[in-house]
Structures are given as structure tokens and as C-alpha cells.
Amino acid sequence: MPDKIYSVRWNGKEKVPTLNNETSAYLQDFGKYKGQLIGRDRAGHANSAYKSYDPIGNRKARLVGDLDLNGDFMYGKHSSNAGVEYKIIKWRDL
């Protein structure tokens, strides 16, 4: 599992982005995924537990790849949607 999953503080409130693939992703504040958004992998193919995204401003996120249950990047796993940009469709309050 990634070191810790965080939300984003925006105008004094904690916010979590929801992407147009229906994933909620959380900004990593520290550790090896610092600055990336991490969300649960809803399909879980090949034992993937999380998805890693690079934020693009506050409107989009680009899929980097899959992480296993321990939060380790799955280098050997093919991800056909790696590099795809997803829109952030809403920010919800925590």
C-alpha cells in the first residue's frame, strides 16, 4: 500500500478529485509517489490494487501505471491505457 493516502486542501477544505473513469484519487504528500495521485484499481486485473496518476494542473490526470497491494509499481504488467489523460470531473469534500 502507498505510504499514506491524502486528499487535497483547497480553499481551507479537504477535497478529493473524481476522474471521468469514476476513480477517486488521492494526492501523495511524501514517499516514493510524492506529488502523484493514487486511486484504487476497480478492475484489479493481474493483482493490480492501485492506479498511479500524474496530475496535470487541477483539471486532468495522466495514468502512469498499476501498483500492487504493497504499493510497488508493476513493471511487468501491460497497461493499455497508460499515458491516457483523464478529466477531473468533480472535487468532493471530505
Protein backbone atom coordinates (compact mmCIF):
# COMPACT_ATOMS: atom_id res chain seq x y z
CA MET A 1 0.00 0.00 0.00
CA PRO A 2 1.31 3.52 -0.71
CA ASP A 3 2.84 5.25 2.33
CA LYS A 4 -0.32 7.21 3.06
CA ILE A 5 -3.24 8.42 1.01
CA TYR A 6 -4.10 12.11 1.25
CA SER A 7 -6.70 14.48 -0.02
CA VAL A 8 -6.04 17.96 -1.40
CA ARG A 9 -6.64 21.05 0.72
CA TRP A 10 -8.36 23.68 -1.37
CA ASN A 11 -9.77 26.94 0.00
CA GLY A 12 -9.48 25.58 3.53
CA LYS A 13 -11.43 22.37 2.80
CA GLU A 14 -10.15 18.88 2.10
CA LYS A 15 -11.08 17.83 -1.44
CA VAL A 16 -10.72 14.59 -3.39
CA PRO A 17 -10.84 14.59 -7.19
CA THR A 18 -13.07 12.15 -9.07
CA LEU A 19 -11.85 11.28 -12.57
CA ASN A 20 -14.04 10.58 -15.58
CA ASN A 21 -13.17 6.86 -15.20
CA GLU A 22 -15.12 7.02 -11.87
CA THR A 23 -11.95 6.72 -9.76
CA SER A 24 -11.33 8.86 -6.69
CA ALA A 25 -7.62 9.60 -6.45
CA TYR A 26 -5.64 10.94 -3.50
CA LEU A 27 -2.57 13.17 -3.63
CA GLN A 28 0.54 11.66 -2.05
CA ASP A 29 2.27 14.16 0.24
CA PHE A 30 5.50 12.20 0.77
CA GLY A 31 7.24 8.93 -0.07
CA LYS A 32 8.10 7.43 -3.42
CA TYR A 33 4.84 8.61 -5.02
CA LYS A 34 5.04 12.17 -3.71
CA GLY A 35 3.09 14.53 -5.96
CA GLN A 36 1.18 11.73 -7.70
CA LEU A 37 -2.48 10.84 -7.38
CA ILE A 38 -3.21 7.27 -6.25
CA GLY A 39 -6.61 5.62 -6.67
CA ARG A 40 -7.95 2.11 -6.18
CA ASP A 41 -7.93 -0.13 -9.22
CA ARG A 42 -11.56 -1.13 -9.57
CA ALA A 43 -10.92 -3.91 -12.12
CA GLY A 44 -7.91 -5.43 -10.34
CA HIS A 45 -6.56 -7.34 -13.35
CA ALA A 46 -3.33 -9.28 -12.69
CA ASN A 47 -3.48 -8.45 -8.96
CA SER A 48 -3.31 -4.69 -9.51
CA ALA A 49 -4.66 -2.89 -6.43
CA TYR A 50 -3.99 0.79 -7.23
CA LYS A 51 -3.53 3.14 -10.18
CA SER A 52 -0.93 5.90 -10.21
CA TYR A 53 -1.65 9.21 -11.99
CA ASP A 54 0.42 12.31 -12.68
CA PRO A 55 -1.73 15.40 -12.08
CA ILE A 56 -1.92 17.90 -14.93
CA GLY A 57 -2.98 21.13 -13.25
CA ASN A 58 -6.25 20.72 -11.36
CA ARG A 59 -8.33 19.59 -14.36
CA LYS A 60 -6.64 16.39 -15.65
CA ALA A 61 -4.54 13.41 -14.58
CA ARG A 62 -2.38 11.10 -16.74
CA LEU A 63 -2.30 7.40 -15.90
CA VAL A 64 1.25 6.25 -15.13
CA GLY A 65 0.57 2.60 -14.37
CA ASP A 66 -0.52 -0.01 -11.84
CA LEU A 67 0.60 -0.71 -8.28
CA ASP A 68 0.26 -3.95 -6.35
CA LEU A 69 -1.25 -4.31 -2.89
CA ASN A 70 2.08 -3.29 -1.29
CA GLY A 71 2.21 -0.11 -3.38
CA ASP A 72 5.03 -1.37 -5.62
CA PHE A 73 4.94 -0.38 -9.29
CA MET A 74 4.05 -3.36 -11.50
CA TYR A 75 6.72 -3.06 -14.21
CA GLY A 76 5.90 -6.36 -15.93
CA LYS A 77 2.17 -5.67 -16.25
CA HIS A 78 0.92 -4.34 -19.58
CA SER A 79 -1.46 -1.43 -19.15
CA SER A 80 -3.06 -0.48 -22.45
CA ASN A 81 -4.37 2.79 -21.02
CA ALA A 82 -1.02 4.01 -19.59
CA GLY A 83 -0.47 7.58 -20.72
CA VAL A 84 -4.19 8.26 -21.14
CA GLU A 85 -5.33 11.61 -19.74
CA TYR A 86 -8.49 11.58 -17.63
CA LYS A 87 -10.55 14.65 -16.81
CA ILE A 88 -11.16 15.56 -13.20
CA ILE A 89 -14.93 15.82 -13.30
CA LYS A 90 -15.56 16.91 -9.73
CA TRP A 91 -13.91 17.67 -6.44
CA ARG A 92 -15.78 16.29 -3.45
CA ASP A 93 -15.44 17.41 0.16
CA LEU A 94 -14.14 15.04 2.80
